[in-house]
Protein backbone atom coordinates (compact mmCIF):
# COMPACT_ATOMS: atom_id res chain seq x y z
CA MET A 1 25.37 -18.22 22.81
CA HIS A 2 26.85 -21.68 22.44
CA HIS A 3 24.76 -22.96 25.30
CA ALA A 4 21.57 -21.40 23.90
CA ILE A 5 22.06 -22.60 20.38
CA LYS A 6 23.04 -26.16 21.31
CA ALA A 7 19.98 -26.40 23.56
CA ILE A 8 17.69 -25.09 20.85
CA LEU A 9 19.10 -27.57 18.22
CA LYS A 10 18.80 -30.40 20.75
CA LYS A 11 15.40 -29.67 22.39
CA GLY A 12 13.76 -27.00 20.28
CA GLU A 13 10.22 -27.59 18.89
CA LYS A 14 9.23 -26.36 15.53
CA ILE A 15 6.92 -23.33 15.16
CA ARG A 16 5.86 -21.25 12.20
CA PRO A 17 6.04 -17.57 13.36
CA THR A 18 5.28 -14.53 11.15
CA LYS A 19 8.97 -13.90 10.62
CA GLY A 20 11.44 -16.48 9.58
CA GLY A 21 10.15 -17.53 6.24
CA PRO A 22 8.43 -20.88 5.18
CA LYS A 23 10.86 -22.99 7.14
CA GLY A 24 9.82 -21.68 10.44
CA ALA A 25 11.90 -21.76 13.65
CA LEU A 26 13.00 -23.93 16.50
CA GLU A 27 11.99 -22.66 19.84
CA LEU A 28 12.64 -23.11 23.60
CA ILE A 29 9.93 -21.80 25.93
CA GLY A 30 10.80 -20.05 29.17
CA ALA A 31 14.62 -19.84 28.98
CA LEU A 32 16.83 -18.07 31.64
CA LEU A 33 20.42 -17.09 30.88
CA GLU A 34 22.70 -15.73 33.49
CA VAL A 35 25.95 -13.65 32.91
CA THR A 36 27.90 -13.63 36.19
CA ASN A 37 30.33 -10.96 34.93
CA PRO A 38 28.30 -8.39 32.82
CA ARG A 39 31.57 -6.84 31.53
CA ALA A 40 32.37 -10.09 29.75
CA ARG A 41 29.77 -8.95 27.26
CA LEU A 42 31.59 -9.09 23.89
CA SER A 43 31.10 -12.23 21.81
CA ARG A 44 34.66 -13.26 20.81
CA THR A 45 33.97 -15.76 17.90
CA GLU A 46 34.91 -15.47 14.26
CA THR A 47 31.47 -14.90 12.81
CA ARG A 48 29.48 -13.52 15.70
CA GLY A 49 32.05 -11.11 17.17
CA LYS A 50 29.96 -8.03 16.62
CA SER A 51 31.75 -5.34 18.61
CA TYR A 52 31.15 -2.49 16.14
CA SER A 53 27.55 -3.16 15.43
CA CYS A 54 26.79 -3.69 19.14
CA LEU A 55 28.41 -0.35 19.97
CA GLY A 56 26.53 1.35 17.19
CA GLU A 57 23.26 -0.07 18.39
CA LEU A 58 24.02 1.08 21.91
CA CYS A 59 24.66 4.65 20.66
CA TRP A 60 21.40 4.45 18.76
CA TYR A 61 19.51 3.70 22.00
CA LEU A 62 21.33 6.32 24.03
CA ALA A 63 20.70 8.95 21.44
CA GLY A 64 17.01 8.29 21.89
CA SER A 65 16.72 7.59 18.16
CA ASN A 66 14.50 5.11 16.20
CA GLU A 67 15.63 6.46 12.86
CA LEU A 68 16.49 3.93 10.18
CA SER A 69 19.20 6.14 8.62
CA PHE A 70 21.10 5.96 12.01
CA ILE A 71 21.01 2.25 12.64
CA GLU A 72 21.32 0.91 9.08
CA TYR A 73 24.80 2.41 9.00
CA TYR A 74 25.74 -0.31 11.55
CA ILE A 75 23.17 -3.02 10.88
CA SER A 76 21.56 -3.11 7.32
CA LEU A 77 19.15 -5.80 8.50
CA TYR A 78 16.99 -3.13 10.15
CA ARG A 79 15.81 -2.01 6.67
CA LYS A 80 13.38 -4.89 6.84
CA SER A 81 11.97 -3.60 10.03
CA ALA A 82 11.33 0.12 9.13
CA ASP A 83 8.05 1.98 8.57
CA ARG A 84 8.60 5.10 6.60
CA GLY A 85 12.19 5.62 7.68
CA ARG A 86 11.67 4.78 11.32
CA VAL A 87 11.87 1.54 13.33
CA PHE A 88 8.57 1.59 15.36
CA GLY A 89 9.93 -0.73 17.97
CA GLY A 90 13.25 1.11 18.36
CA TYR A 91 14.25 1.28 22.02
CA GLY A 92 15.80 4.71 22.16
CA PRO A 93 12.64 6.80 22.37
CA ARG A 94 11.18 4.17 24.73
CA LEU A 95 14.06 4.48 27.06
CA LEU A 96 14.50 8.29 27.05
CA ASN A 97 11.23 9.83 25.97
CA TRP A 98 8.31 7.45 26.33
CA ARG A 99 5.04 9.39 26.53
CA GLY A 100 7.17 12.31 27.82
CA ILE A 101 9.00 10.22 30.48
CA ASN A 102 12.76 9.52 30.66
CA GLN A 103 12.55 6.01 32.01
CA LEU A 104 16.32 5.55 32.37
CA GLU A 105 16.53 8.71 34.50
CA ASN A 106 13.55 7.66 36.48
CA VAL A 107 15.05 4.34 37.66
CA ILE A 108 18.30 6.12 38.59
CA ASN A 109 16.50 8.66 40.68
CA LEU A 110 14.33 6.01 42.36
CA LEU A 111 17.33 3.86 43.30
CA LYS A 112 19.04 6.88 44.72
CA LYS A 113 16.09 7.44 47.06
CA LYS A 114 15.08 3.82 47.73
CA ARG A 115 18.07 1.49 47.71
CA ASP A 116 16.11 -1.73 47.96
CA SER A 117 13.24 -0.68 45.65
CA ARG A 118 11.69 -3.44 43.54
CA GLN A 119 9.91 -0.82 41.26
CA ALA A 120 12.90 0.31 39.24
CA VAL A 121 11.49 -1.12 36.00
CA ILE A 122 11.66 0.13 32.36
CA GLN A 123 8.85 -0.89 30.12
CA LEU A 124 9.71 -1.26 26.44
CA PHE A 125 6.82 -3.44 25.10
CA ASP A 126 3.55 -1.66 25.32
CA ARG A 127 0.01 -3.08 25.06
CA HIS A 128 -0.71 -0.67 22.27
CA ASP A 129 2.11 -2.25 20.17
CA ILE A 130 -0.15 -5.07 19.03
CA LEU A 131 -3.26 -3.02 18.20
CA ARG A 132 -2.03 -2.24 14.72
CA LYS A 133 0.34 -4.05 12.40
CA HIS A 134 3.92 -2.77 12.39
CA LYS A 135 7.04 -4.37 10.72
CA ASP A 136 8.77 -4.25 14.07
CA ILE A 137 7.65 -4.15 17.74
CA PRO A 138 9.91 -4.53 20.78
CA CYS A 139 11.16 -8.03 21.60
CA THR A 140 12.01 -6.80 25.10
CA CYS A 141 9.20 -6.35 27.68
CA THR A 142 10.96 -4.92 30.75
CA LEU A 143 14.40 -4.13 32.16
CA GLN A 144 14.49 -4.32 36.02
CA PHE A 145 17.33 -2.92 38.10
CA LEU A 146 17.88 -4.24 41.62
CA ARG A 147 20.26 -2.45 44.06
CA ARG A 148 21.47 -4.97 46.61
CA HIS A 149 24.60 -4.76 48.85
CA ASP A 150 26.04 -1.94 46.83
CA LYS A 151 25.86 -3.81 43.52
CA LEU A 152 23.36 -3.35 40.69
CA HIS A 153 21.82 -6.53 39.48
CA MET A 154 19.59 -6.59 36.26
CA VAL A 155 16.85 -8.74 35.07
CA THR A 156 15.67 -8.51 31.51
CA ASN A 157 12.40 -10.03 30.37
CA MET A 158 11.95 -10.65 26.63
CA ARG A 159 8.94 -11.96 24.89
CA SER A 160 11.05 -13.22 22.08
CA ASN A 161 14.77 -13.57 21.28
CA ASP A 162 16.66 -14.80 18.22
CA ALA A 163 19.52 -16.74 19.69
CA TYR A 164 21.70 -16.50 16.57
CA LYS A 165 21.26 -12.90 15.24
CA GLY A 166 19.99 -11.00 18.22
CA LEU A 167 21.35 -12.36 21.42
CA ALA A 168 24.98 -11.08 21.24
CA HIS A 169 23.60 -7.55 20.60
CA ASP A 170 21.06 -7.70 23.39
CA ILE A 171 23.50 -8.91 26.09
CA PHE A 172 25.98 -6.18 25.02
CA CYS A 173 23.56 -3.34 25.00
CA PHE A 174 21.62 -4.27 28.14
CA THR A 175 24.74 -4.92 30.29
CA MET A 176 26.15 -1.63 29.15
CA LEU A 177 22.89 0.06 30.35
CA GLN A 178 23.35 -1.93 33.58
CA GLU A 179 26.79 -0.50 34.10
CA ILE A 180 25.72 3.05 33.16
CA VAL A 181 22.97 2.91 35.77
CA ALA A 182 25.35 1.42 38.26
CA ARG A 183 27.95 4.21 37.82
CA SER A 184 25.18 6.77 37.99
CA LEU A 185 24.55 5.41 41.44
CA SER A 186 28.23 5.19 42.29
CA ILE A 187 28.10 1.38 42.70
CA ASP A 188 29.41 -1.67 40.83
CA VAL A 189 27.51 -4.10 38.72
CA GLY A 190 26.27 -7.41 40.01
CA THR A 191 24.90 -10.27 37.86
CA TYR A 192 22.74 -10.12 34.77
CA LYS A 193 19.81 -12.39 34.09
CA HIS A 194 18.10 -12.70 30.73
CA ALA A 195 14.70 -14.36 30.70
CA VAL A 196 13.06 -15.20 27.40
CA GLY A 197 9.51 -16.34 26.63
CA SER A 198 10.43 -17.68 23.12
CA LEU A 199 14.11 -18.28 22.66
CA HIS A 200 14.46 -19.44 19.03
CA LEU A 201 16.61 -20.14 16.08
CA TYR A 202 15.20 -19.57 12.58
CA ILE A 203 15.62 -22.77 10.54
CA ALA A 204 16.98 -20.57 7.67
CA ASP A 205 19.86 -19.82 9.90
CA ARG A 206 20.45 -23.34 10.98
CA ILE A 207 23.41 -24.07 8.87
CA ARG A 208 25.10 -20.80 9.75
CA ALA A 209 24.45 -21.46 13.43
CA GLN A 210 26.07 -25.01 13.22
CA GLN A 211 29.13 -23.39 11.54
CA PHE A 212 29.27 -21.00 14.39
CA LEU A 213 29.28 -23.89 16.85
CA ASN A 214 31.98 -25.64 14.84
CA GLU A 215 34.24 -22.63 15.02
CA GLY A 216 34.89 -23.33 18.68
CA TRP A 217 34.91 -20.41 21.01
CA GLN A 218 36.95 -18.20 23.34
CA PRO A 219 35.90 -17.85 26.96
CA THR A 220 34.88 -14.27 27.74
CA ILE A 221 34.92 -14.37 31.54
CA ASN A 222 38.64 -13.55 31.67
CA VAL A 223 38.60 -11.16 28.74
CA ALA A 224 36.08 -8.70 30.00
CA MET A 225 35.79 -4.96 29.01
CA PRO A 226 37.46 -2.70 31.43
CA ARG A 227 35.49 -1.09 34.22
CA MET A 228 33.61 2.02 33.31
CA PRO A 229 35.29 4.89 35.10
CA ILE A 230 33.96 5.82 38.47
CA GLY A 231 31.68 8.86 38.61
CA ASP A 232 28.68 10.15 36.64
CA PRO A 233 29.04 8.76 33.06
CA TRP A 234 26.55 11.09 31.33
CA ARG A 235 29.00 13.82 30.29
CA SER A 236 31.21 11.13 28.65
CA ILE A 237 28.21 9.55 27.08
CA LYS A 238 27.15 12.88 25.50
CA LEU A 239 30.63 13.37 24.04
CA LEU A 240 30.59 9.79 22.69
CA LEU A 241 27.28 10.45 21.03
CA ASP A 242 28.65 13.66 19.48
CA VAL A 243 31.70 11.86 18.17
CA GLU A 244 29.51 8.98 16.85
CA SER A 245 27.23 11.46 14.91
CA ARG A 246 30.23 13.27 13.39
CA ILE A 247 31.90 10.07 12.23
CA ARG A 248 28.72 8.59 10.82
CA THR A 249 27.65 11.80 8.94
CA THR A 250 30.96 13.31 8.05
CA GLY A 251 33.46 10.45 8.18
CA THR A 252 35.71 11.78 10.90
CA PHE A 253 36.05 13.87 14.06
CA ASP A 254 38.58 16.06 15.86
CA ASP A 255 40.62 13.34 17.50
CA GLY A 256 42.39 16.00 19.56
CA ILE A 257 39.67 15.51 22.15
CA LEU A 258 40.87 12.09 22.84
CA ASP A 259 43.64 13.45 25.02
CA ALA A 260 41.18 14.90 27.39
CA VAL A 261 38.99 11.91 27.58
CA ASP A 262 39.33 8.87 29.93
CA PRO A 263 40.88 6.07 28.01
CA TYR A 264 37.70 3.91 28.51
CA TRP A 265 35.64 6.30 26.44
CA ALA A 266 38.47 7.14 24.08
CA ASP A 267 38.78 3.49 23.09
CA LEU A 268 35.01 3.42 22.22
CA MET A 269 35.50 6.52 20.02
CA ARG A 270 38.46 4.90 18.30
CA LEU A 271 36.34 1.78 17.55
CA LEU A 272 33.61 3.88 16.01
CA GLN A 273 36.23 5.56 13.77
CA ILE A 274 37.74 2.22 12.95
CA PHE A 275 34.31 0.91 11.82
CA ARG A 276 34.15 3.94 9.45
CA TYR A 277 37.55 3.03 7.94
CA LYS A 278 36.33 -0.61 7.77
CA THR A 279 33.39 0.33 5.60
CA HIS A 280 35.46 3.00 3.69
CA PRO A 281 38.76 1.18 3.67
CA ASN A 282 41.82 2.96 5.09
CA ARG A 283 44.29 0.58 6.48
CA LYS A 284 46.91 3.14 7.50
CA LYS A 285 44.29 5.18 9.55
CA ILE A 286 43.19 1.88 11.22
CA GLU A 287 46.76 1.06 12.18
CA GLU A 288 47.28 4.49 13.59
CA LEU A 289 44.05 4.17 15.69
CA ARG A 290 45.09 0.74 16.91
CA GLN A 291 48.24 2.25 18.42
CA GLY A 292 46.19 4.46 20.63
CA ILE A 293 43.94 1.69 22.08
CA ALA A 294 44.26 1.51 25.76
CA SER A 295 42.58 -1.83 26.34
CA SER A 296 44.00 -5.09 24.71
CA VAL A 297 40.41 -6.47 24.75
CA TYR A 298 39.61 -4.70 21.51
CA LEU A 299 42.76 -5.62 19.64
CA SER A 300 41.39 -8.90 18.27
CA PHE A 301 38.44 -7.12 16.73
CA ILE A 302 40.71 -4.52 15.13
CA ASP A 303 43.13 -7.20 13.87
CA LYS A 304 40.30 -9.01 12.19
CA VAL A 305 39.42 -5.83 10.25
CA LEU A 306 43.01 -5.52 9.18
CA ILE A 307 43.11 -9.17 8.03
CA ASP A 308 39.80 -8.82 6.15
CA LEU A 309 41.05 -5.74 4.40
CA THR A 310 44.26 -7.55 3.34
CA ARG A 311 42.24 -10.43 1.94
CA LYS A 312 39.99 -8.11 -0.09
CA LYS A 313 43.11 -6.26 -1.50
CA HIS A 314 44.57 -9.60 -2.66
């Protein structure tokens, strides 16, 4: 994000797209970003450390949903993108049930049969998306998975990407999909490449983006998320989605199941519950959940919630 925003502020040319208001945006054409360790996917900055909303958006995708009521719980900005309670460009249905096809399952099955295939591509943007006006159409064109030397590389092609608001979420969600596919193939992740036609920064966000740069930053390469457990991840994903739904709709879940779940997935479930107690403040419950967290990677995000709750109280 630092490299991308600095480059846009230095070399970006002004455009006036439909979104972004009267001030327009600064744009770089044809940008390529590379993440050599896809598990180092969590932005660890003060204002753009979006672990909870990133996880919520991933669950939205994996649930195959484009319902506004689901995603606005995590990201209220989506209200501006909804048509009659749904986000037309939402990725969930396009990933898992696009014209009756489960594209994610398709690429997994293909790469099981043809290890070196170049056809393992998921299409998210569709030519029909621009025939009629919608408040939101996919910014992502394709996700390509390449199995090479028992590692799964991924190349994402985006027509458009907001470097300040969208990039942290996109990198998180897509590299998680990369690791899910890799584990489904019983191999490890390789590199992640993120190609963007229009990498931009809305001028209305310029001051906030500069403040973000001024914060300094913490390198993520040595503070990566733990490895996803070896073996088929889909049973655990189903359980994660069940827990997410219960927390979002009822406020809690039966945490007795955590003892029977791998610590990797149990941590993600605890994070979802912590987010609930962040929006419906309960410091004591957050502290209890923090004690059960297996990976220290998440502690800084939890501690920030506790600090923010203390500030609000005083």
